[in-house]
C-alpha atoms as a PDB file:
ATOM      1  CA  MET A   1      18.207 100.521  45.680  1.00  0.00           C
ATOM      2  CA  THR A   2      21.837 100.025  44.784  1.00  0.00           C
ATOM      3  CA  GLU A   3      23.003  99.543  41.202  1.00  0.00           C
ATOM      4  CA  ARG A   4      26.416  97.922  40.700  1.00  0.00           C
ATOM      5  CA  SER A   5      28.217  97.047  37.526  1.00  0.00           C
ATOM      6  CA  HIS A   6      30.255  93.829  37.239  1.00  0.00           C
ATOM      7  CA  PRO A   7      31.855  92.225  34.214  1.00  0.00           C
ATOM      8  CA  THR A   8      30.157  89.517  32.227  1.00  0.00           C
ATOM      9  CA  ALA A   9      31.687  86.994  29.809  1.00  0.00           C
ATOM     10  CA  ALA A  10      32.543  88.501  26.488  1.00  0.00           C
ATOM     11  CA  ARG A  11      30.489  87.538  23.461  1.00  0.00           C
ATOM     12  CA  THR A  12      32.176  85.002  21.204  1.00  0.00           C
ATOM     13  CA  ASP A  13      31.668  85.062  17.400  1.00  0.00           C
ATOM     14  CA  LEU A  14      32.832  82.791  14.624  1.00  0.00           C
ATOM     15  CA  HIS A  15      36.031  84.733  14.261  1.00  0.00           C
ATOM     16  CA  ASP A  16      38.508  86.530  16.542  1.00  0.00           C
ATOM     17  CA  ASP A  17      38.505  90.331  16.401  1.00  0.00           C
ATOM     18  CA  GLU A  18      41.250  92.143  18.209  1.00  0.00           C
ATOM     19  CA  ASP A  19      39.363  95.437  17.861  1.00  0.00           C
ATOM     20  CA  ALA A  20      36.065  94.087  19.241  1.00  0.00           C
ATOM     21  CA  VAL A  21      34.317  96.308  21.728  1.00  0.00           C
ATOM     22  CA  PRO A  22      34.334  94.733  25.197  1.00  0.00           C
ATOM     23  CA  ALA A  23      31.028  93.484  26.507  1.00  0.00           C
ATOM     24  CA  ARG A  24      29.091  95.993  28.543  1.00  0.00           C
ATOM     25  CA  PRO A  25      29.112  95.093  32.284  1.00  0.00           C
ATOM     26  CA  ALA A  26      25.862  93.778  33.614  1.00  0.00           C
ATOM     27  CA  LEU A  27      24.035  96.139  35.995  1.00  0.00           C
ATOM     28  CA  ARG A  28      23.540  94.463  39.373  1.00  0.00           C
ATOM     29  CA  VAL A  29      20.249  95.706  40.882  1.00  0.00           C
ATOM     30  CA  VAL A  30      20.025  95.336  44.678  1.00  0.00           C
ATOM     31  CA  HIS A  31      17.515  96.766  47.038  1.00  0.00           C
ATOM     32  CA  GLU A  32      19.250  97.685  50.238  1.00  0.00           C
ATOM     33  CA  PRO A  33      16.763  97.190  53.145  1.00  0.00           C
ATOM     34  CA  GLU A  34      17.053  99.549  56.048  1.00  0.00           C
ATOM     35  CA  GLY A  35      17.012  96.573  58.327  1.00  0.00           C
ATOM     36  CA  ILE A  36      14.447  93.845  59.073  1.00  0.00           C
ATOM     37  CA  ASP A  37      13.879  92.945  62.728  1.00  0.00           C
ATOM     38  CA  LEU A  38      11.726  89.890  62.589  1.00  0.00           C
ATOM     39  CA  ALA A  39      11.539  89.603  66.386  1.00  0.00           C
ATOM     40  CA  ALA A  40      10.182  93.142  66.729  1.00  0.00           C
ATOM     41  CA  ALA A  41       7.851  92.701  63.825  1.00  0.00           C
ATOM     42  CA  GLU A  42       6.435  89.460  65.395  1.00  0.00           C
ATOM     43  CA  ALA A  43       5.860  91.219  68.759  1.00  0.00           C
ATOM     44  CA  ALA A  44       4.158  94.125  67.017  1.00  0.00           C
ATOM     45  CA  ALA A  45       1.950  91.788  64.979  1.00  0.00           C
ATOM     46  CA  GLY A  46       0.858  90.045  68.164  1.00  0.00           C
ATOM     47  CA  GLN A  47       0.017  93.385  69.818  1.00  0.00           C
ATOM     48  CA  PHE A  48      -1.856  94.480  66.643  1.00  0.00           C
ATOM     49  CA  LEU A  49      -4.016  91.341  66.702  1.00  0.00           C
ATOM     50  CA  ASN A  50      -4.699  91.566  70.415  1.00  0.00           C
ATOM     51  CA  ALA A  51      -5.666  95.254  70.068  1.00  0.00           C
ATOM     52  CA  LEU A  52      -8.301  94.196  67.502  1.00  0.00           C
ATOM     53  CA  GLY A  53      -9.699  91.655  69.941  1.00  0.00           C
ATOM     54  CA  ILE A  54      -8.083  88.589  68.343  1.00  0.00           C
ATOM     55  CA  SER A  55      -6.458  86.405  70.900  1.00  0.00           C
ATOM     56  CA  THR A  56      -3.282  84.538  69.889  1.00  0.00           C
ATOM     57  CA  ALA A  57      -3.425  82.170  72.850  1.00  0.00           C
ATOM     58  CA  SER A  58      -4.917  79.231  70.982  1.00  0.00           C
ATOM     59  CA  GLU A  59      -2.714  76.571  69.344  1.00  0.00           C
ATOM     60  CA  SER A  60      -3.892  77.527  65.816  1.00  0.00           C
ATOM     61  CA  LEU A  61      -3.132  81.250  66.278  1.00  0.00           C
ATOM     62  CA  ARG A  62      -0.063  81.052  68.502  1.00  0.00           C
ATOM     63  CA  GLY A  63       2.285  81.183  65.516  1.00  0.00           C
ATOM     64  CA  THR A  64       0.295  83.706  63.547  1.00  0.00           C
ATOM     65  CA  PRO A  65       2.286  86.849  64.547  1.00  0.00           C
ATOM     66  CA  GLY A  66       5.496  85.219  63.461  1.00  0.00           C
ATOM     67  CA  ARG A  67       4.009  84.056  60.183  1.00  0.00           C
ATOM     68  CA  MET A  68       2.673  87.582  59.619  1.00  0.00           C
ATOM     69  CA  ALA A  69       6.137  89.080  60.233  1.00  0.00           C
ATOM     70  CA  ARG A  70       7.883  86.613  57.870  1.00  0.00           C
ATOM     71  CA  ALA A  71       5.194  87.074  55.205  1.00  0.00           C
ATOM     72  CA  TYR A  72       5.551  90.837  55.102  1.00  0.00           C
ATOM     73  CA  ALA A  73       9.297  90.596  55.267  1.00  0.00           C
ATOM     74  CA  GLU A  74       9.141  88.422  52.081  1.00  0.00           C
ATOM     75  CA  LEU A  75       6.737  90.853  50.382  1.00  0.00           C
ATOM     76  CA  PHE A  76       9.086  93.743  51.048  1.00  0.00           C
ATOM     77  CA  SER A  77      12.358  92.010  50.042  1.00  0.00           C
ATOM     78  CA  PRO A  78      12.939  92.031  46.264  1.00  0.00           C
ATOM     79  CA  ARG A  79      15.470  89.576  44.877  1.00  0.00           C
ATOM     80  CA  PRO A  80      18.684  91.039  43.421  1.00  0.00           C
ATOM     81  CA  PHE A  81      19.263  90.472  39.703  1.00  0.00           C
ATOM     82  CA  ASP A  82      21.562  91.369  36.833  1.00  0.00           C
ATOM     83  CA  LEU A  83      20.137  93.688  34.194  1.00  0.00           C
ATOM     84  CA  THR A  84      21.572  91.767  31.253  1.00  0.00           C
ATOM     85  CA  THR A  85      21.579  93.568  27.929  1.00  0.00           C
ATOM     86  CA  PHE A  86      22.933  92.619  24.487  1.00  0.00           C
ATOM     87  CA  PRO A  87      23.944  94.592  21.434  1.00  0.00           C
ATOM     88  CA  ASN A  88      21.153  95.016  18.947  1.00  0.00           C
ATOM     89  CA  ASP A  89      23.366  93.827  16.073  1.00  0.00           C
ATOM     90  CA  GLU A  90      20.457  93.127  13.659  1.00  0.00           C
ATOM     91  CA  GLY A  91      18.964  96.563  14.197  1.00  0.00           C
ATOM     92  CA  TYR A  92      15.665  95.141  15.385  1.00  0.00           C
ATOM     93  CA  ASP A  93      13.243  98.107  15.576  1.00  0.00           C
ATOM     94  CA  GLU A  94       9.866  96.542  16.201  1.00  0.00           C
ATOM     95  CA  LEU A  95       8.028  96.237  19.509  1.00  0.00           C
ATOM     96  CA  VAL A  96       9.264  93.796  22.192  1.00  0.00           C
ATOM     97  CA  LEU A  97       6.424  93.038  24.550  1.00  0.00           C
ATOM     98  CA  ALA A  98       6.141  90.839  27.653  1.00  0.00           C
ATOM     99  CA  ARG A  99       2.472  90.364  28.513  1.00  0.00           C
ATOM    100  CA  ARG A 100       0.688  89.188  31.643  1.00  0.00           C
ATOM    101  CA  ILE A 101       3.616  89.576  34.028  1.00  0.00           C
ATOM    102  CA  PRO A 102       2.236  88.710  37.506  1.00  0.00           C
ATOM    103  CA  VAL A 103       2.114  91.700  39.903  1.00  0.00           C
ATOM    104  CA  ARG A 104       1.648  91.378  43.657  1.00  0.00           C
ATOM    105  CA  THR A 105       2.204  94.229  46.033  1.00  0.00           C
ATOM    106  CA  VAL A 106       0.351  95.906  48.889  1.00  0.00           C
ATOM    107  CA  CYS A 107      -1.252  99.362  48.881  1.00  0.00           C
ATOM    108  CA  GLU A 108       0.570 101.868  51.020  1.00  0.00           C
ATOM    109  CA  HIS A 109      -2.683 103.197  52.505  1.00  0.00           C
ATOM    110  CA  HIS A 110      -4.080  99.999  54.007  1.00  0.00           C
ATOM    111  CA  LEU A 111      -1.336  97.357  53.475  1.00  0.00           C
ATOM    112  CA  LEU A 112      -3.885  95.204  51.713  1.00  0.00           C
ATOM    113  CA  PRO A 113      -2.941  93.217  48.541  1.00  0.00           C
ATOM    114  CA  ILE A 114      -2.853  94.539  45.015  1.00  0.00           C
ATOM    115  CA  VAL A 115      -2.848  91.647  42.572  1.00  0.00           C
ATOM    116  CA  GLY A 116      -2.832  91.736  38.820  1.00  0.00           C
ATOM    117  CA  THR A 117      -0.795  91.673  35.640  1.00  0.00           C
ATOM    118  CA  ALA A 118       1.681  94.003  33.923  1.00  0.00           C
ATOM    119  CA  HIS A 119       2.395  94.346  30.223  1.00  0.00           C
ATOM    120  CA  VAL A 120       5.830  95.873  29.578  1.00  0.00           C
ATOM    121  CA  GLY A 121       7.176  96.690  26.109  1.00  0.00           C
ATOM    122  CA  TYR A 122       9.854  98.710  24.428  1.00  0.00           C
ATOM    123  CA  LEU A 123      11.131  99.738  21.007  1.00  0.00           C
ATOM    124  CA  PRO A 124      14.864  98.765  20.985  1.00  0.00           C
ATOM    125  CA  GLY A 125      17.611 101.213  20.521  1.00  0.00           C
ATOM    126  CA  ALA A 126      21.279 100.149  20.495  1.00  0.00           C
ATOM    127  CA  ARG A 127      20.774  97.316  22.958  1.00  0.00           C
ATOM    128  CA  ILE A 128      18.125  94.714  23.723  1.00  0.00           C
ATOM    129  CA  LEU A 129      17.193  93.298  27.110  1.00  0.00           C
ATOM    130  CA  GLY A 130      17.076  89.716  28.409  1.00  0.00           C
ATOM    131  CA  LEU A 131      13.290  89.059  28.403  1.00  0.00           C
ATOM    132  CA  SER A 132      13.104  87.725  31.947  1.00  0.00           C
ATOM    133  CA  LYS A 133      14.434  91.039  33.196  1.00  0.00           C
ATOM    134  CA  LEU A 134      11.204  92.763  32.351  1.00  0.00           C
ATOM    135  CA  ALA A 135       9.485  90.646  34.991  1.00  0.00           C
ATOM    136  CA  ARG A 136      12.324  91.168  37.414  1.00  0.00           C
ATOM    137  CA  ILE A 137      12.022  94.971  37.129  1.00  0.00           C
ATOM    138  CA  VAL A 138       8.287  94.780  37.817  1.00  0.00           C
ATOM    139  CA  GLU A 139       8.930  92.607  40.865  1.00  0.00           C
ATOM    140  CA  HIS A 140      11.687  94.915  42.097  1.00  0.00           C
ATOM    141  CA  PHE A 141       9.432  97.985  42.284  1.00  0.00           C
ATOM    142  CA  ALA A 142       6.430  95.967  43.526  1.00  0.00           C
ATOM    143  CA  CYS A 143       8.278  94.719  46.647  1.00  0.00           C
ATOM    144  CA  ARG A 144       7.346  97.684  48.819  1.00  0.00           C
ATOM    145  CA  PRO A 145       4.146  99.476  49.816  1.00  0.00           C
ATOM    146  CA  GLN A 146       2.907 101.008  46.586  1.00  0.00           C
ATOM    147  CA  VAL A 147       0.256 102.924  44.694  1.00  0.00           C
ATOM    148  CA  GLN A 148      -0.388 101.524  41.239  1.00  0.00           C
ATOM    149  CA  GLU A 149       0.196 104.839  39.480  1.00  0.00           C
ATOM    150  CA  ARG A 150       3.675 105.194  40.928  1.00  0.00           C
ATOM    151  CA  LEU A 151       4.597 101.504  40.237  1.00  0.00           C
ATOM    152  CA  THR A 152       3.595 101.925  36.577  1.00  0.00           C
ATOM    153  CA  LYS A 153       5.756 105.010  36.141  1.00  0.00           C
ATOM    154  CA  GLN A 154       8.741 103.696  38.064  1.00  0.00           C
ATOM    155  CA  VAL A 155       9.051 100.637  35.800  1.00  0.00           C
ATOM    156  CA  ALA A 156       8.752 102.739  32.660  1.00  0.00           C
ATOM    157  CA  ASP A 157      11.209 105.434  33.820  1.00  0.00           C
ATOM    158  CA  TRP A 158      13.773 102.910  34.997  1.00  0.00           C
ATOM    159  CA  LEU A 159      13.749 101.138  31.653  1.00  0.00           C
ATOM    160  CA  GLN A 160      14.029 104.377  29.755  1.00  0.00           C
ATOM    161  CA  THR A 161      17.011 105.485  31.855  1.00  0.00           C
ATOM    162  CA  HIS A 162      18.967 102.238  31.861  1.00  0.00           C
ATOM    163  CA  LEU A 163      18.147 100.674  28.513  1.00  0.00           C
ATOM    164  CA  GLU A 164      17.792 103.913  26.456  1.00  0.00           C
ATOM    165  CA  PRO A 165      15.239 102.438  24.047  1.00  0.00           C
ATOM    166  CA  LYS A 166      13.301 104.450  21.429  1.00  0.00           C
ATOM    167  CA  GLY A 167      10.170 104.006  23.436  1.00  0.00           C
ATOM    168  CA  VAL A 168       8.763 102.329  26.556  1.00  0.00           C
ATOM    169  CA  GLY A 169       5.228 101.263  27.486  1.00  0.00           C
ATOM    170  CA  VAL A 170       3.868  99.852  30.731  1.00  0.00           C
ATOM    171  CA  VAL A 171       0.280  98.838  31.435  1.00  0.00           C
ATOM    172  CA  ILE A 172      -0.834  97.422  34.768  1.00  0.00           C
ATOM    173  CA  ASP A 173      -4.299  95.939  35.359  1.00  0.00           C
ATOM    174  CA  ALA A 174      -4.838  95.006  38.991  1.00  0.00           C
ATOM    175  CA  GLU A 175      -7.422  94.326  41.651  1.00  0.00           C
ATOM    176  CA  HIS A 176      -7.137  96.248  44.907  1.00  0.00           C
ATOM    177  CA  ALA A 177      -8.320  94.443  48.054  1.00  0.00           C
ATOM    178  CA  CYS A 178      -8.827  97.892  49.693  1.00  0.00           C
ATOM    179  CA  MET A 179     -11.649  98.355  47.133  1.00  0.00           C
ATOM    180  CA  THR A 180     -12.987  94.798  46.939  1.00  0.00           C
ATOM    181  CA  LEU A 181     -12.809  93.672  50.583  1.00  0.00           C
ATOM    182  CA  ARG A 182     -13.581  96.879  52.470  1.00  0.00           C
ATOM    183  CA  GLY A 183     -15.126 100.294  51.961  1.00  0.00           C
ATOM    184  CA  VAL A 184     -17.110 100.313  48.743  1.00  0.00           C
ATOM    185  CA  GLN A 185     -16.648  96.499  48.379  1.00  0.00           C
ATOM    186  CA  ALA A 186     -16.573  96.720  44.593  1.00  0.00           C
ATOM    187  CA  THR A 187     -16.043  93.054  44.034  1.00  0.00           C
ATOM    188  CA  GLY A 188     -14.623  92.151  40.665  1.00  0.00           C
ATOM    189  CA  SER A 189     -13.454  95.671  39.830  1.00  0.00           C
ATOM    190  CA  SER A 190      -9.902  96.327  38.548  1.00  0.00           C
ATOM    191  CA  THR A 191      -7.800  99.369  37.961  1.00  0.00           C
ATOM    192  CA  MET A 192      -5.770 100.023  34.816  1.00  0.00           C
ATOM    193  CA  THR A 193      -2.833 102.427  34.597  1.00  0.00           C
ATOM    194  CA  SER A 194      -0.413 103.129  31.772  1.00  0.00           C
ATOM    195  CA  THR A 195       2.834 105.023  31.113  1.00  0.00           C
ATOM    196  CA  LEU A 196       4.095 105.638  27.563  1.00  0.00           C
ATOM    197  CA  LEU A 197       7.459 107.198  26.822  1.00  0.00           C
ATOM    198  CA  GLY A 198       9.355 108.111  23.640  1.00  0.00           C
ATOM    199  CA  LEU A 199       7.912 106.858  20.374  1.00  0.00           C
ATOM    200  CA  LEU A 200       5.266 104.782  22.126  1.00  0.00           C
ATOM    201  CA  ARG A 201       3.827 108.089  23.271  1.00  0.00           C
ATOM    202  CA  SER A 202       4.511 110.389  20.335  1.00  0.00           C
ATOM    203  CA  ASP A 203       4.025 108.051  17.373  1.00  0.00           C
ATOM    204  CA  ALA A 204       0.355 107.171  16.843  1.00  0.00           C
ATOM    205  CA  ARG A 205       0.990 103.870  15.004  1.00  0.00           C
ATOM    206  CA  SER A 206       3.386 102.575  17.656  1.00  0.00           C
ATOM    207  CA  ARG A 207       1.144 103.692  20.462  1.00  0.00           C
ATOM    208  CA  SER A 208      -1.932 101.991  18.921  1.00  0.00           C
ATOM    209  CA  GLU A 209      -0.010  98.769  18.334  1.00  0.00           C
ATOM    210  CA  PHE A 210       1.201  98.642  21.960  1.00  0.00           C
ATOM    211  CA  LEU A 211      -2.241  99.452  23.467  1.00  0.00           C
ATOM    212  CA  THR A 212      -4.011  96.954  21.177  1.00  0.00           C
ATOM    213  CA  LEU A 213      -1.615  94.102  21.996  1.00  0.00           C
ATOM    214  CA  THR A 214      -1.956  94.793  25.741  1.00  0.00           C
ATOM    215  CA  GLY A 215      -5.747  94.965  25.545  1.00  0.00           C
ATOM    216  CA  ALA A 216      -5.706  98.531  26.855  1.00  0.00           C
ATOM    217  CA  ALA A 217      -7.120 100.020  23.634  1.00  0.00           C
ATOM    218  CA  GLY A 218     -10.645  99.052  24.577  1.00  0.00           C
END
């Protein structure tokens, strides 16, 4: 992942202020892929299917290896975005929470889907975050083979580092196809993970509010 700063338009108020602090540059978040070779991926997908006794000779399956290659390339290619923050001029100090952010990734053990929702919140410090960026950050870390525990912590740690809030909380509730479609075949089961940092971990009232609003309090 590459993080690049570039200037954004300065904020305009109702009056000019020669001593105004310049706007903080937006942080450009880009995942640098090591290189995607769709032709090689398609050939490998065809060999994989044939090795499992699935012929790709029929008209309906002839294009399947290529579709598989393109589908996984899309899953593993997060979109770049600008981490846009704004000064917390009003000193807002209550919880900011984005609930039910869609999560889709694949488990790194079986490459089967993990699908669910994430709840991401923070207690603002000096700056506040554009709300859509909470979903972008989840997507960014989900676009690679994952385990849910790591994904949860990556989102929380990244926000804590780059936004410097007073607290961060992340809860992910997801269904793992490696549990529901194979092995134990626990249809309907889901897995919940959480990471709490700062005041959302140390302050009982803030922690309770966050967990209650996300539905993780039981």
